[in-house]
């Protein structure tokens, strides 16, 4: 979730301050900022994305034959 990291970086806060703003722990914020998204559920990533002001679009498409 590079987009989330970019927004958080723009805030110019410490990881602890950013974590508090988003309602997560500092270790969870560290995981997110380091790209360890496998530690997050899809729901959690969507909630974090919207919490930083991003719009989330989710598409389900039929694969090409």
Protein backbone atom coordinates (compact mmCIF):
# COMPACT_ATOMS: atom_id res chain seq x y z
CA UNK A 1 0.00 0.00 0.00
CA UNK A 2 2.42 2.56 -1.27
CA UNK A 3 -0.32 5.19 -1.46
CA UNK A 4 -0.95 4.96 2.30
CA UNK A 5 2.77 5.23 3.01
CA UNK A 6 3.06 8.28 0.75
CA UNK A 7 0.24 10.09 2.58
CA UNK A 8 1.66 9.21 6.01
CA UNK A 9 5.13 10.38 4.90
CA UNK A 10 3.61 13.71 3.83
CA UNK A 11 2.29 14.19 7.37
CA UNK A 12 5.90 14.51 8.61
CA UNK A 13 5.02 12.71 11.87
CA UNK A 14 6.85 10.05 13.81
CA UNK A 15 5.57 6.51 13.42
CA UNK A 16 4.11 6.72 16.92
CA UNK A 17 2.25 9.95 16.11
CA UNK A 18 0.95 8.57 12.80
CA UNK A 19 -0.11 5.35 14.52
CA UNK A 20 -2.04 7.31 17.13
CA UNK A 21 -3.76 9.35 14.41
CA UNK A 22 -4.84 6.14 12.65
CA UNK A 23 -5.72 4.19 15.79
CA UNK A 24 -3.09 1.48 15.42
CA UNK A 25 0.02 0.60 17.40
CA UNK A 26 3.47 1.83 16.39
CA UNK A 27 4.62 -1.72 15.49
CA UNK A 28 1.59 -2.07 13.17
CA UNK A 29 2.42 1.29 11.61
CA UNK A 30 5.98 0.08 11.09
CA UNK A 31 4.71 -3.04 9.32
CA UNK A 32 2.51 -0.91 7.07
CA UNK A 33 5.25 1.58 6.20
CA UNK A 34 7.71 -1.24 5.48
CA UNK A 35 5.28 -2.83 3.02
CA UNK A 36 4.46 -5.88 5.12
CA UNK A 37 0.85 -5.86 3.93
CA UNK A 38 0.57 -9.64 4.31
CA UNK A 39 0.14 -8.94 8.03
CA UNK A 40 -3.08 -6.98 7.36
CA UNK A 41 -6.52 -8.12 6.32
CA UNK A 42 -8.10 -6.58 3.25
CA UNK A 43 -10.62 -4.88 5.54
CA UNK A 44 -7.87 -3.33 7.64
CA UNK A 45 -6.04 -2.01 4.57
CA UNK A 46 -9.25 -0.52 3.19
CA UNK A 47 -10.02 1.16 6.53
CA UNK A 48 -6.50 2.57 6.77
CA UNK A 49 -6.64 3.83 3.19
CA UNK A 50 -9.89 5.68 3.82
CA UNK A 51 -8.60 6.97 7.17
CA UNK A 52 -5.72 8.74 5.40
CA UNK A 53 -8.14 10.26 2.89
CA UNK A 54 -7.75 7.89 -0.04
CA UNK A 55 -10.65 6.63 -2.13
CA UNK A 56 -10.81 2.86 -2.39
CA UNK A 57 -12.19 1.23 -5.51
CA UNK A 58 -12.72 -2.50 -5.60
CA UNK A 59 -13.42 -4.23 -8.89
CA UNK A 60 -14.34 -7.82 -9.50
CA UNK A 61 -14.13 -8.84 -13.14
CA UNK A 62 -14.60 -12.03 -15.03
CA UNK A 63 -11.27 -13.30 -16.40
CA UNK A 64 -10.74 -13.15 -20.14
CA UNK A 65 -11.41 -16.44 -21.88
